[in-house]
């Protein structure tokens, strides 16, 4: 089977370097515990645009360009762009990158899109089909609430299980050669549907998929949670993380303090009133690009398992009473320097 190990995991021929990352966030994210780590903090969530959706596209446009600039490259050096968002037909991404004049794969993995983009980008490079790939994911709180739940002017009360969609964009430049933390393995998730129908409880909908991905990865690689310095899921929040710990414990795996979630890291739930934590495509994207990537680059993290998670719902499926299937995509990323995994 060549590069495939086990049922769902592939091991790349050689690590694919992440040359640079960029993160642009809105005001609430800037006020959170990770605020100092983000490249660009926008004071107005409209970003000078007329609508929330147009604002999200502007986040994409500005941040994608920043990632390429930080890599010391130009847009013409990119062979492909892989990105996506939560809006219908991925309009946030399409309108954001339409003037870049680069071959584009539009992706929808819900909030797991950053993992999907980085996975496919690394495969393109490892397969010899590209030298540089620009990957990313975005979301916007106001646009997502309007599309999936209720328009903000209604003032609808949010239940304790709800999460706060992150406003922003995270982007990463992958390359066939160069310095930087390396993507070395990819575990692609399967859709898991446990019948959850509550659009205000994303953690419960996605946790089974995250647990299934972890079990598949450990089974394919023969590793345990203790073989990683950090395991970070995408946006399970406090409720989803607890469920994963419980599910893995039943299978004999101890998920200790090394296991965190980007939705827990990005907000202060009490001070910022975000209830169960953060969510949205940008949640894992900006947290990885702004917070975890520098630690990998500095060698503070030797080996990381990054698992963006997604709830595969749409307004139509929710209105028709359909359950919310979950998905998760995992990447093993090795850091630079003395702390890097051998």
C-alpha atoms as a PDB file:
ATOM      1  CA  UNK A   1       0.000   0.000   0.000  1.00  0.00           C
ATOM      2  CA  UNK A   2       3.017   2.302  -0.198  1.00  0.00           C
ATOM      3  CA  UNK A   3       2.649   5.287   2.101  1.00  0.00           C
ATOM      4  CA  UNK A   4      -0.499   4.057   3.786  1.00  0.00           C
ATOM      5  CA  UNK A   5      -0.138   2.626   7.289  1.00  0.00           C
ATOM      6  CA  UNK A   6      -3.173   0.976   8.821  1.00  0.00           C
ATOM      7  CA  UNK A   7      -6.679   1.809   7.643  1.00  0.00           C
ATOM      8  CA  UNK A   8      -6.866   5.612   7.781  1.00  0.00           C
ATOM      9  CA  UNK A   9      -3.319   6.941   8.141  1.00  0.00           C
ATOM     10  CA  UNK A  10      -0.627   7.828   5.623  1.00  0.00           C
ATOM     11  CA  UNK A  11       3.026   8.527   6.357  1.00  0.00           C
ATOM     12  CA  UNK A  12       4.570  11.052   3.984  1.00  0.00           C
ATOM     13  CA  UNK A  13       7.828  10.217   2.200  1.00  0.00           C
ATOM     14  CA  UNK A  14       9.476  13.107   3.972  1.00  0.00           C
ATOM     15  CA  UNK A  15       8.043  15.759   6.202  1.00  0.00           C
ATOM     16  CA  UNK A  16       6.272  18.646   4.455  1.00  0.00           C
ATOM     17  CA  UNK A  17       7.490  21.933   5.982  1.00  0.00           C
ATOM     18  CA  UNK A  18       5.044  24.614   7.077  1.00  0.00           C
ATOM     19  CA  UNK A  19       7.003  27.674   5.951  1.00  0.00           C
ATOM     20  CA  UNK A  20       4.763  30.266   7.555  1.00  0.00           C
ATOM     21  CA  UNK A  21       1.390  30.913   9.106  1.00  0.00           C
ATOM     22  CA  UNK A  22      -0.764  34.004   9.544  1.00  0.00           C
ATOM     23  CA  UNK A  23      -3.740  34.716  11.771  1.00  0.00           C
ATOM     24  CA  UNK A  24      -6.198  37.611  11.607  1.00  0.00           C
ATOM     25  CA  UNK A  25      -8.991  37.836  14.172  1.00  0.00           C
ATOM     26  CA  UNK A  26     -11.877  40.009  15.300  1.00  0.00           C
ATOM     27  CA  UNK A  27     -12.195  42.067  18.489  1.00  0.00           C
ATOM     28  CA  UNK A  28     -13.524  39.336  20.802  1.00  0.00           C
ATOM     29  CA  UNK A  29     -10.698  36.966  19.850  1.00  0.00           C
ATOM     30  CA  UNK A  30      -8.183  39.769  20.351  1.00  0.00           C
ATOM     31  CA  UNK A  31      -9.476  40.274  23.892  1.00  0.00           C
ATOM     32  CA  UNK A  32      -9.086  36.566  24.733  1.00  0.00           C
ATOM     33  CA  UNK A  33      -6.168  34.732  26.362  1.00  0.00           C
ATOM     34  CA  UNK A  34      -4.383  34.244  23.012  1.00  0.00           C
ATOM     35  CA  UNK A  35      -4.808  37.820  21.801  1.00  0.00           C
ATOM     36  CA  UNK A  36      -1.092  38.615  21.891  1.00  0.00           C
ATOM     37  CA  UNK A  37      -0.282  35.692  19.584  1.00  0.00           C
ATOM     38  CA  UNK A  38      -2.327  36.760  16.566  1.00  0.00           C
ATOM     39  CA  UNK A  39      -0.727  38.659  13.690  1.00  0.00           C
ATOM     40  CA  UNK A  40      -3.540  41.077  13.022  1.00  0.00           C
ATOM     41  CA  UNK A  41      -6.361  42.136  15.342  1.00  0.00           C
ATOM     42  CA  UNK A  42      -9.294  43.962  13.764  1.00  0.00           C
ATOM     43  CA  UNK A  43     -11.214  46.403  15.974  1.00  0.00           C
ATOM     44  CA  UNK A  44     -14.386  46.292  13.853  1.00  0.00           C
ATOM     45  CA  UNK A  45     -15.843  42.864  13.016  1.00  0.00           C
ATOM     46  CA  UNK A  46     -17.266  44.389   9.810  1.00  0.00           C
ATOM     47  CA  UNK A  47     -13.673  45.124   8.736  1.00  0.00           C
ATOM     48  CA  UNK A  48     -14.910  48.233   6.898  1.00  0.00           C
ATOM     49  CA  UNK A  49     -17.303  46.214   4.716  1.00  0.00           C
ATOM     50  CA  UNK A  50     -21.071  46.469   4.222  1.00  0.00           C
ATOM     51  CA  UNK A  51     -22.029  42.962   5.389  1.00  0.00           C
ATOM     52  CA  UNK A  52     -20.724  40.251   7.701  1.00  0.00           C
ATOM     53  CA  UNK A  53     -20.195  37.925   4.740  1.00  0.00           C
ATOM     54  CA  UNK A  54     -18.160  40.518   2.849  1.00  0.00           C
ATOM     55  CA  UNK A  55     -16.148  41.081   6.010  1.00  0.00           C
ATOM     56  CA  UNK A  56     -15.276  37.397   6.171  1.00  0.00           C
ATOM     57  CA  UNK A  57     -14.042  37.493   2.580  1.00  0.00           C
ATOM     58  CA  UNK A  58     -11.858  40.469   3.449  1.00  0.00           C
ATOM     59  CA  UNK A  59     -10.405  38.524   6.399  1.00  0.00           C
ATOM     60  CA  UNK A  60      -9.533  35.758   3.934  1.00  0.00           C
ATOM     61  CA  UNK A  61      -8.019  38.113   1.372  1.00  0.00           C
ATOM     62  CA  UNK A  62      -5.855  40.024   3.840  1.00  0.00           C
ATOM     63  CA  UNK A  63      -4.698  37.043   5.871  1.00  0.00           C
ATOM     64  CA  UNK A  64      -3.885  34.778   2.910  1.00  0.00           C
ATOM     65  CA  UNK A  65      -1.709  37.538   1.484  1.00  0.00           C
ATOM     66  CA  UNK A  66      -0.024  37.983   4.866  1.00  0.00           C
ATOM     67  CA  UNK A  67       0.856  34.275   5.106  1.00  0.00           C
ATOM     68  CA  UNK A  68       2.548  34.352   1.706  1.00  0.00           C
ATOM     69  CA  UNK A  69       4.389  37.555   2.600  1.00  0.00           C
ATOM     70  CA  UNK A  70       5.659  36.033   5.853  1.00  0.00           C
ATOM     71  CA  UNK A  71       7.033  33.078   3.870  1.00  0.00           C
ATOM     72  CA  UNK A  72       9.092  35.509   1.808  1.00  0.00           C
ATOM     73  CA  UNK A  73       7.180  34.514  -1.314  1.00  0.00           C
ATOM     74  CA  UNK A  74       4.685  36.002  -3.760  1.00  0.00           C
ATOM     75  CA  UNK A  75       1.261  34.793  -4.800  1.00  0.00           C
ATOM     76  CA  UNK A  76       2.640  33.721  -8.172  1.00  0.00           C
ATOM     77  CA  UNK A  77       4.809  31.189  -6.283  1.00  0.00           C
ATOM     78  CA  UNK A  78       1.727  29.338  -5.029  1.00  0.00           C
ATOM     79  CA  UNK A  79       0.721  26.315  -7.107  1.00  0.00           C
ATOM     80  CA  UNK A  80      -2.648  25.867  -5.387  1.00  0.00           C
ATOM     81  CA  UNK A  81      -4.921  27.437  -2.819  1.00  0.00           C
ATOM     82  CA  UNK A  82      -6.956  25.095  -0.626  1.00  0.00           C
ATOM     83  CA  UNK A  83      -9.433  26.721   1.726  1.00  0.00           C
ATOM     84  CA  UNK A  84     -13.044  26.857   2.838  1.00  0.00           C
ATOM     85  CA  UNK A  85     -15.553  28.280   5.301  1.00  0.00           C
ATOM     86  CA  UNK A  86     -19.062  27.818   6.709  1.00  0.00           C
ATOM     87  CA  UNK A  87     -21.031  30.034   4.359  1.00  0.00           C
ATOM     88  CA  UNK A  88     -23.229  28.624   1.602  1.00  0.00           C
ATOM     89  CA  UNK A  89     -21.117  27.513  -1.374  1.00  0.00           C
ATOM     90  CA  UNK A  90     -17.962  28.688   0.476  1.00  0.00           C
ATOM     91  CA  UNK A  91     -18.572  32.254  -0.640  1.00  0.00           C
ATOM     92  CA  UNK A  92     -16.369  33.640   2.120  1.00  0.00           C
ATOM     93  CA  UNK A  93     -13.357  31.914   0.581  1.00  0.00           C
ATOM     94  CA  UNK A  94     -14.320  32.305  -3.090  1.00  0.00           C
ATOM     95  CA  UNK A  95     -14.787  36.050  -2.945  1.00  0.00           C
ATOM     96  CA  UNK A  96     -11.724  36.427  -0.740  1.00  0.00           C
ATOM     97  CA  UNK A  97      -9.254  34.729  -3.087  1.00  0.00           C
ATOM     98  CA  UNK A  98     -10.880  35.369  -6.488  1.00  0.00           C
ATOM     99  CA  UNK A  99      -8.325  38.009  -7.521  1.00  0.00           C
ATOM    100  CA  UNK A 100      -5.239  35.971  -6.613  1.00  0.00           C
ATOM    101  CA  UNK A 101      -5.220  34.185 -10.016  1.00  0.00           C
ATOM    102  CA  UNK A 102      -4.123  30.844  -8.528  1.00  0.00           C
ATOM    103  CA  UNK A 103      -5.598  27.348  -9.095  1.00  0.00           C
ATOM    104  CA  UNK A 104      -8.123  26.779  -6.332  1.00  0.00           C
ATOM    105  CA  UNK A 105      -9.701  23.827  -4.569  1.00  0.00           C
ATOM    106  CA  UNK A 106     -12.687  24.949  -2.511  1.00  0.00           C
ATOM    107  CA  UNK A 107     -13.181  22.726   0.533  1.00  0.00           C
ATOM    108  CA  UNK A 108     -16.016  22.066   2.916  1.00  0.00           C
ATOM    109  CA  UNK A 109     -15.282  20.132   6.063  1.00  0.00           C
ATOM    110  CA  UNK A 110     -17.257  22.463   8.316  1.00  0.00           C
ATOM    111  CA  UNK A 111     -15.022  23.398  11.266  1.00  0.00           C
ATOM    112  CA  UNK A 112     -12.536  20.658  10.308  1.00  0.00           C
ATOM    113  CA  UNK A 113     -11.659  22.496   7.074  1.00  0.00           C
ATOM    114  CA  UNK A 114      -8.198  23.635   8.227  1.00  0.00           C
ATOM    115  CA  UNK A 115      -7.252  20.008   8.846  1.00  0.00           C
ATOM    116  CA  UNK A 116      -8.637  18.971   5.476  1.00  0.00           C
ATOM    117  CA  UNK A 117      -6.778  21.777   3.684  1.00  0.00           C
ATOM    118  CA  UNK A 118      -3.443  21.049   5.344  1.00  0.00           C
ATOM    119  CA  UNK A 119      -3.852  17.296   4.791  1.00  0.00           C
ATOM    120  CA  UNK A 120      -4.598  17.586   1.078  1.00  0.00           C
ATOM    121  CA  UNK A 121      -1.956  20.281   0.630  1.00  0.00           C
ATOM    122  CA  UNK A 122       0.698  18.069   2.191  1.00  0.00           C
ATOM    123  CA  UNK A 123      -0.390  15.155  -0.004  1.00  0.00           C
ATOM    124  CA  UNK A 124      -0.141  17.311  -3.132  1.00  0.00           C
ATOM    125  CA  UNK A 125       3.394  18.292  -2.216  1.00  0.00           C
ATOM    126  CA  UNK A 126       4.486  14.810  -1.131  1.00  0.00           C
ATOM    127  CA  UNK A 127       3.092  13.402  -4.369  1.00  0.00           C
ATOM    128  CA  UNK A 128       5.174  15.818  -6.431  1.00  0.00           C
ATOM    129  CA  UNK A 129       2.177  17.741  -7.760  1.00  0.00           C
ATOM    130  CA  UNK A 130       3.055  21.073  -6.133  1.00  0.00           C
ATOM    131  CA  UNK A 131       5.965  23.013  -4.699  1.00  0.00           C
ATOM    132  CA  UNK A 132       3.969  25.509  -2.639  1.00  0.00           C
ATOM    133  CA  UNK A 133       0.395  25.252  -1.396  1.00  0.00           C
ATOM    134  CA  UNK A 134      -1.516  27.978   0.439  1.00  0.00           C
ATOM    135  CA  UNK A 135      -4.030  26.539   2.900  1.00  0.00           C
ATOM    136  CA  UNK A 136      -6.574  28.174   5.172  1.00  0.00           C
ATOM    137  CA  UNK A 137     -10.006  28.407   6.766  1.00  0.00           C
ATOM    138  CA  UNK A 138     -12.269  31.209   7.950  1.00  0.00           C
ATOM    139  CA  UNK A 139     -15.488  31.916   9.841  1.00  0.00           C
ATOM    140  CA  UNK A 140     -17.427  34.874  11.216  1.00  0.00           C
ATOM    141  CA  UNK A 141     -19.616  34.860  14.317  1.00  0.00           C
ATOM    142  CA  UNK A 142     -22.328  37.128  12.955  1.00  0.00           C
ATOM    143  CA  UNK A 143     -22.568  35.420   9.560  1.00  0.00           C
ATOM    144  CA  UNK A 144     -22.636  31.949  11.109  1.00  0.00           C
ATOM    145  CA  UNK A 145     -25.316  32.831  13.677  1.00  0.00           C
ATOM    146  CA  UNK A 146     -27.509  34.302  10.937  1.00  0.00           C
ATOM    147  CA  UNK A 147     -27.106  31.255   8.712  1.00  0.00           C
ATOM    148  CA  UNK A 148     -27.305  28.412  11.217  1.00  0.00           C
ATOM    149  CA  UNK A 149     -29.213  29.741  14.219  1.00  0.00           C
ATOM    150  CA  UNK A 150     -30.902  33.143  14.641  1.00  0.00           C
ATOM    151  CA  UNK A 151     -30.197  36.683  13.374  1.00  0.00           C
ATOM    152  CA  UNK A 152     -28.406  38.605  16.109  1.00  0.00           C
ATOM    153  CA  UNK A 153     -31.029  41.408  16.348  1.00  0.00           C
ATOM    154  CA  UNK A 154     -33.482  38.843  17.767  1.00  0.00           C
ATOM    155  CA  UNK A 155     -31.420  38.710  20.953  1.00  0.00           C
ATOM    156  CA  UNK A 156     -32.026  34.962  21.330  1.00  0.00           C
ATOM    157  CA  UNK A 157     -30.665  33.523  24.566  1.00  0.00           C
ATOM    158  CA  UNK A 158     -27.767  31.117  24.075  1.00  0.00           C
ATOM    159  CA  UNK A 159     -27.890  27.869  26.118  1.00  0.00           C
ATOM    160  CA  UNK A 160     -24.910  26.763  28.276  1.00  0.00           C
ATOM    161  CA  UNK A 161     -23.941  24.097  25.711  1.00  0.00           C
ATOM    162  CA  UNK A 162     -23.463  26.643  22.923  1.00  0.00           C
ATOM    163  CA  UNK A 163     -20.101  27.779  21.595  1.00  0.00           C
ATOM    164  CA  UNK A 164     -19.001  31.100  20.114  1.00  0.00           C
ATOM    165  CA  UNK A 165     -18.046  31.059  16.433  1.00  0.00           C
ATOM    166  CA  UNK A 166     -14.577  32.549  15.996  1.00  0.00           C
ATOM    167  CA  UNK A 167     -14.286  35.555  13.695  1.00  0.00           C
ATOM    168  CA  UNK A 168     -11.106  35.413  11.659  1.00  0.00           C
ATOM    169  CA  UNK A 169      -8.926  33.545   9.200  1.00  0.00           C
ATOM    170  CA  UNK A 170      -5.935  31.265   9.646  1.00  0.00           C
ATOM    171  CA  UNK A 171      -3.581  30.454   6.768  1.00  0.00           C
ATOM    172  CA  UNK A 172      -0.467  28.319   6.317  1.00  0.00           C
ATOM    173  CA  UNK A 173       2.045  28.025   3.477  1.00  0.00           C
ATOM    174  CA  UNK A 174       3.233  24.445   2.860  1.00  0.00           C
ATOM    175  CA  UNK A 175       6.302  23.695   0.757  1.00  0.00           C
ATOM    176  CA  UNK A 176       8.295  20.887  -0.791  1.00  0.00           C
ATOM    177  CA  UNK A 177      11.494  22.156   0.813  1.00  0.00           C
ATOM    178  CA  UNK A 178      12.537  24.717   3.372  1.00  0.00           C
ATOM    179  CA  UNK A 179      12.665  25.183   7.128  1.00  0.00           C
ATOM    180  CA  UNK A 180       9.771  24.861   9.516  1.00  0.00           C
ATOM    181  CA  UNK A 181       7.697  22.370  11.493  1.00  0.00           C
ATOM    182  CA  UNK A 182       6.890  19.360   9.327  1.00  0.00           C
ATOM    183  CA  UNK A 183       3.676  17.484   8.620  1.00  0.00           C
ATOM    184  CA  UNK A 184       4.743  13.832   8.732  1.00  0.00           C
ATOM    185  CA  UNK A 185       1.522  11.808   9.023  1.00  0.00           C
ATOM    186  CA  UNK A 186      -2.140  12.304   8.172  1.00  0.00           C
ATOM    187  CA  UNK A 187      -5.125  10.415   9.563  1.00  0.00           C
ATOM    188  CA  UNK A 188      -8.298  11.098   7.610  1.00  0.00           C
ATOM    189  CA  UNK A 189     -11.523  10.831   9.545  1.00  0.00           C
ATOM    190  CA  UNK A 190     -14.801   9.121   8.754  1.00  0.00           C
ATOM    191  CA  UNK A 191     -18.261  10.616   9.192  1.00  0.00           C
ATOM    192  CA  UNK A 192     -19.756   9.660  12.558  1.00  0.00           C
ATOM    193  CA  UNK A 193     -23.447  10.306  13.244  1.00  0.00           C
ATOM    194  CA  UNK A 194     -24.752   9.649  16.753  1.00  0.00           C
ATOM    195  CA  UNK A 195     -28.115  11.312  16.198  1.00  0.00           C
ATOM    196  CA  UNK A 196     -27.440  14.678  17.877  1.00  0.00           C
ATOM    197  CA  UNK A 197     -29.865  17.293  16.508  1.00  0.00           C
ATOM    198  CA  UNK A 198     -29.179  20.288  18.761  1.00  0.00           C
ATOM    199  CA  UNK A 199     -27.409  23.010  16.739  1.00  0.00           C
ATOM    200  CA  UNK A 200     -26.464  24.635  20.047  1.00  0.00           C
ATOM    201  CA  UNK A 201     -24.474  21.619  21.208  1.00  0.00           C
ATOM    202  CA  UNK A 202     -21.699  21.235  18.665  1.00  0.00           C
ATOM    203  CA  UNK A 203     -19.372  19.608  21.188  1.00  0.00           C
ATOM    204  CA  UNK A 204     -21.667  16.617  21.629  1.00  0.00           C
ATOM    205  CA  UNK A 205     -22.139  16.280  17.859  1.00  0.00           C
ATOM    206  CA  UNK A 206     -18.411  16.275  17.074  1.00  0.00           C
ATOM    207  CA  UNK A 207     -16.938  14.415  20.060  1.00  0.00           C
ATOM    208  CA  UNK A 208     -17.694  10.891  18.730  1.00  0.00           C
ATOM    209  CA  UNK A 209     -15.901  11.717  15.453  1.00  0.00           C
ATOM    210  CA  UNK A 210     -12.889  13.069  17.343  1.00  0.00           C
ATOM    211  CA  UNK A 211     -12.791   9.949  19.508  1.00  0.00           C
ATOM    212  CA  UNK A 212     -13.070   7.691  16.445  1.00  0.00           C
ATOM    213  CA  UNK A 213     -10.212   9.575  14.766  1.00  0.00           C
ATOM    214  CA  UNK A 214      -8.001   9.220  17.828  1.00  0.00           C
ATOM    215  CA  UNK A 215      -8.717   5.488  18.094  1.00  0.00           C
ATOM    216  CA  UNK A 216      -7.983   5.007  14.391  1.00  0.00           C
ATOM    217  CA  UNK A 217      -4.742   6.963  14.667  1.00  0.00           C
ATOM    218  CA  UNK A 218      -3.508   5.104  17.723  1.00  0.00           C
ATOM    219  CA  UNK A 219      -4.449   1.792  16.108  1.00  0.00           C
ATOM    220  CA  UNK A 220      -2.670   2.619  12.841  1.00  0.00           C
ATOM    221  CA  UNK A 221       0.510   3.995  14.421  1.00  0.00           C
ATOM    222  CA  UNK A 222       0.780   1.923  17.602  1.00  0.00           C
ATOM    223  CA  UNK A 223       1.143   5.112  19.647  1.00  0.00           C
ATOM    224  CA  UNK A 224      -0.647   6.311  22.765  1.00  0.00           C
ATOM    225  CA  UNK A 225      -1.665   9.821  23.905  1.00  0.00           C
ATOM    226  CA  UNK A 226       1.548   9.991  25.940  1.00  0.00           C
ATOM    227  CA  UNK A 227       3.648   9.864  22.740  1.00  0.00           C
ATOM    228  CA  UNK A 228       2.620  13.458  22.001  1.00  0.00           C
ATOM    229  CA  UNK A 229       3.533  16.722  23.661  1.00  0.00           C
ATOM    230  CA  UNK A 230       0.204  18.223  22.601  1.00  0.00           C
ATOM    231  CA  UNK A 231      -3.037  16.784  21.244  1.00  0.00           C
ATOM    232  CA  UNK A 232      -5.348  19.607  20.186  1.00  0.00           C
ATOM    233  CA  UNK A 233      -8.831  19.107  18.786  1.00  0.00           C
ATOM    234  CA  UNK A 234     -10.525  21.869  16.836  1.00  0.00           C
ATOM    235  CA  UNK A 235     -13.607  23.180  18.577  1.00  0.00           C
ATOM    236  CA  UNK A 236     -15.161  20.635  20.886  1.00  0.00           C
ATOM    237  CA  UNK A 237     -15.226  23.099  23.761  1.00  0.00           C
ATOM    238  CA  UNK A 238     -15.435  21.981  27.382  1.00  0.00           C
ATOM    239  CA  UNK A 239     -18.382  19.639  26.868  1.00  0.00           C
ATOM    240  CA  UNK A 240     -16.944  17.903  23.800  1.00  0.00           C
ATOM    241  CA  UNK A 241     -13.528  17.478  25.397  1.00  0.00           C
ATOM    242  CA  UNK A 242     -15.055  15.794  28.442  1.00  0.00           C
ATOM    243  CA  UNK A 243     -16.957  13.412  26.187  1.00  0.00           C
ATOM    244  CA  UNK A 244     -13.786  12.459  24.280  1.00  0.00           C
ATOM    245  CA  UNK A 245     -11.937  11.774  27.539  1.00  0.00           C
ATOM    246  CA  UNK A 246     -14.799   9.523  28.624  1.00  0.00           C
ATOM    247  CA  UNK A 247     -15.012   7.699  25.279  1.00  0.00           C
ATOM    248  CA  UNK A 248     -11.256   7.094  25.102  1.00  0.00           C
ATOM    249  CA  UNK A 249     -11.140   5.915  28.712  1.00  0.00           C
ATOM    250  CA  UNK A 250     -13.597   3.145  27.854  1.00  0.00           C
ATOM    251  CA  UNK A 251     -11.131   1.996  25.171  1.00  0.00           C
ATOM    252  CA  UNK A 252      -8.180   1.977  27.573  1.00  0.00           C
ATOM    253  CA  UNK A 253      -6.556   5.298  26.649  1.00  0.00           C
ATOM    254  CA  UNK A 254      -5.835   7.979  29.243  1.00  0.00           C
ATOM    255  CA  UNK A 255      -6.256  11.481  27.832  1.00  0.00           C
ATOM    256  CA  UNK A 256      -4.303  13.650  30.261  1.00  0.00           C
ATOM    257  CA  UNK A 257      -3.379  17.347  30.392  1.00  0.00           C
ATOM    258  CA  UNK A 258      -1.611  17.036  27.036  1.00  0.00           C
ATOM    259  CA  UNK A 259      -5.062  16.917  25.464  1.00  0.00           C
ATOM    260  CA  UNK A 260      -6.578  20.342  24.896  1.00  0.00           C
ATOM    261  CA  UNK A 261      -9.028  21.950  22.499  1.00  0.00           C
ATOM    262  CA  UNK A 262      -8.630  25.112  20.438  1.00  0.00           C
ATOM    263  CA  UNK A 263     -12.134  26.168  21.464  1.00  0.00           C
ATOM    264  CA  UNK A 264     -11.061  26.100  25.100  1.00  0.00           C
ATOM    265  CA  UNK A 265      -7.768  27.904  24.500  1.00  0.00           C
ATOM    266  CA  UNK A 266      -9.030  30.861  22.474  1.00  0.00           C
ATOM    267  CA  UNK A 267     -11.580  32.351  24.890  1.00  0.00           C
ATOM    268  CA  UNK A 268     -11.916  32.922  28.613  1.00  0.00           C
ATOM    269  CA  UNK A 269     -15.340  31.309  29.016  1.00  0.00           C
ATOM    270  CA  UNK A 270     -16.215  33.146  32.235  1.00  0.00           C
ATOM    271  CA  UNK A 271     -14.879  36.614  31.484  1.00  0.00           C
ATOM    272  CA  UNK A 272     -16.013  36.596  27.842  1.00  0.00           C
ATOM    273  CA  UNK A 273     -19.319  34.737  28.328  1.00  0.00           C
ATOM    274  CA  UNK A 274     -18.636  32.206  25.596  1.00  0.00           C
ATOM    275  CA  UNK A 275     -20.283  29.327  27.495  1.00  0.00           C
ATOM    276  CA  UNK A 276     -18.744  26.031  26.255  1.00  0.00           C
ATOM    277  CA  UNK A 277     -15.919  27.717  24.287  1.00  0.00           C
ATOM    278  CA  UNK A 278     -15.080  28.645  20.710  1.00  0.00           C
ATOM    279  CA  UNK A 279     -16.097  27.054  17.414  1.00  0.00           C
ATOM    280  CA  UNK A 280     -16.098  27.712  13.658  1.00  0.00           C
ATOM    281  CA  UNK A 281     -13.582  27.007  10.900  1.00  0.00           C
ATOM    282  CA  UNK A 282     -11.359  29.802  12.153  1.00  0.00           C
ATOM    283  CA  UNK A 283     -11.204  28.378  15.679  1.00  0.00           C
ATOM    284  CA  UNK A 284      -8.618  25.683  14.980  1.00  0.00           C
ATOM    285  CA  UNK A 285      -7.120  27.684  12.104  1.00  0.00           C
ATOM    286  CA  UNK A 286      -6.170  30.834  14.027  1.00  0.00           C
ATOM    287  CA  UNK A 287      -5.283  28.940  17.211  1.00  0.00           C
ATOM    288  CA  UNK A 288      -2.873  26.682  15.350  1.00  0.00           C
ATOM    289  CA  UNK A 289      -1.429  29.456  13.178  1.00  0.00           C
ATOM    290  CA  UNK A 290      -1.122  32.036  15.947  1.00  0.00           C
ATOM    291  CA  UNK A 291      -0.448  29.985  19.067  1.00  0.00           C
ATOM    292  CA  UNK A 292       0.786  26.462  18.353  1.00  0.00           C
ATOM    293  CA  UNK A 293       2.874  27.080  15.224  1.00  0.00           C
ATOM    294  CA  UNK A 294       5.390  29.407  16.956  1.00  0.00           C
ATOM    295  CA  UNK A 295       5.832  26.820  19.718  1.00  0.00           C
ATOM    296  CA  UNK A 296       6.488  24.110  17.137  1.00  0.00           C
ATOM    297  CA  UNK A 297       8.917  26.372  15.319  1.00  0.00           C
ATOM    298  CA  UNK A 298      10.797  27.160  18.536  1.00  0.00           C
ATOM    299  CA  UNK A 299      11.029  23.482  19.461  1.00  0.00           C
ATOM    300  CA  UNK A 300       8.848  23.945  22.541  1.00  0.00           C
ATOM    301  CA  UNK A 301       6.532  21.285  21.092  1.00  0.00           C
ATOM    302  CA  UNK A 302       8.315  18.233  19.716  1.00  0.00           C
ATOM    303  CA  UNK A 303       5.373  16.275  18.352  1.00  0.00           C
ATOM    304  CA  UNK A 304       1.790  17.467  18.029  1.00  0.00           C
ATOM    305  CA  UNK A 305      -1.405  15.745  16.952  1.00  0.00           C
ATOM    306  CA  UNK A 306      -3.636  18.459  15.485  1.00  0.00           C
ATOM    307  CA  UNK A 307      -7.256  17.390  14.968  1.00  0.00           C
ATOM    308  CA  UNK A 308      -9.668  20.003  13.582  1.00  0.00           C
ATOM    309  CA  UNK A 309     -13.250  18.834  14.101  1.00  0.00           C
ATOM    310  CA  UNK A 310     -16.416  19.633  12.157  1.00  0.00           C
ATOM    311  CA  UNK A 311     -20.201  19.388  12.370  1.00  0.00           C
ATOM    312  CA  UNK A 312     -21.501  18.555   8.887  1.00  0.00           C
ATOM    313  CA  UNK A 313     -24.787  20.409   9.075  1.00  0.00           C
ATOM    314  CA  UNK A 314     -26.590  22.908   6.858  1.00  0.00           C
ATOM    315  CA  UNK A 315     -29.585  25.200   7.394  1.00  0.00           C
ATOM    316  CA  UNK A 316     -31.644  22.865   5.208  1.00  0.00           C
ATOM    317  CA  UNK A 317     -30.719  19.687   7.076  1.00  0.00           C
ATOM    318  CA  UNK A 318     -31.406  21.359  10.432  1.00  0.00           C
ATOM    319  CA  UNK A 319     -34.779  22.700   9.297  1.00  0.00           C
ATOM    320  CA  UNK A 320     -35.724  19.210   8.138  1.00  0.00           C
ATOM    321  CA  UNK A 321     -34.865  17.744  11.544  1.00  0.00           C
ATOM    322  CA  UNK A 322     -31.831  15.793  10.346  1.00  0.00           C
ATOM    323  CA  UNK A 323     -29.096  14.875  12.853  1.00  0.00           C
ATOM    324  CA  UNK A 324     -25.666  16.531  12.816  1.00  0.00           C
ATOM    325  CA  UNK A 325     -22.900  14.183  11.562  1.00  0.00           C
ATOM    326  CA  UNK A 326     -19.376  14.832  12.791  1.00  0.00           C
ATOM    327  CA  UNK A 327     -15.957  14.606  11.132  1.00  0.00           C
ATOM    328  CA  UNK A 328     -12.348  15.028  12.287  1.00  0.00           C
ATOM    329  CA  UNK A 329      -9.036  15.137  10.433  1.00  0.00           C
ATOM    330  CA  UNK A 330      -5.688  14.549  12.139  1.00  0.00           C
ATOM    331  CA  UNK A 331      -2.151  15.648  11.325  1.00  0.00           C
ATOM    332  CA  UNK A 332       1.067  14.709  13.088  1.00  0.00           C
ATOM    333  CA  UNK A 333       3.336  17.746  13.073  1.00  0.00           C
ATOM    334  CA  UNK A 334       6.911  17.621  14.299  1.00  0.00           C
ATOM    335  CA  UNK A 335       8.580  20.722  15.684  1.00  0.00           C
ATOM    336  CA  UNK A 336      11.973  22.220  14.986  1.00  0.00           C
ATOM    337  CA  UNK A 337      15.087  22.291  17.146  1.00  0.00           C
ATOM    338  CA  UNK A 338      16.131  20.246  20.119  1.00  0.00           C
ATOM    339  CA  UNK A 339      12.601  19.550  21.278  1.00  0.00           C
ATOM    340  CA  UNK A 340      11.559  17.935  18.024  1.00  0.00           C
ATOM    341  CA  UNK A 341      10.500  14.307  17.913  1.00  0.00           C
ATOM    342  CA  UNK A 342      13.037  11.808  16.643  1.00  0.00           C
END
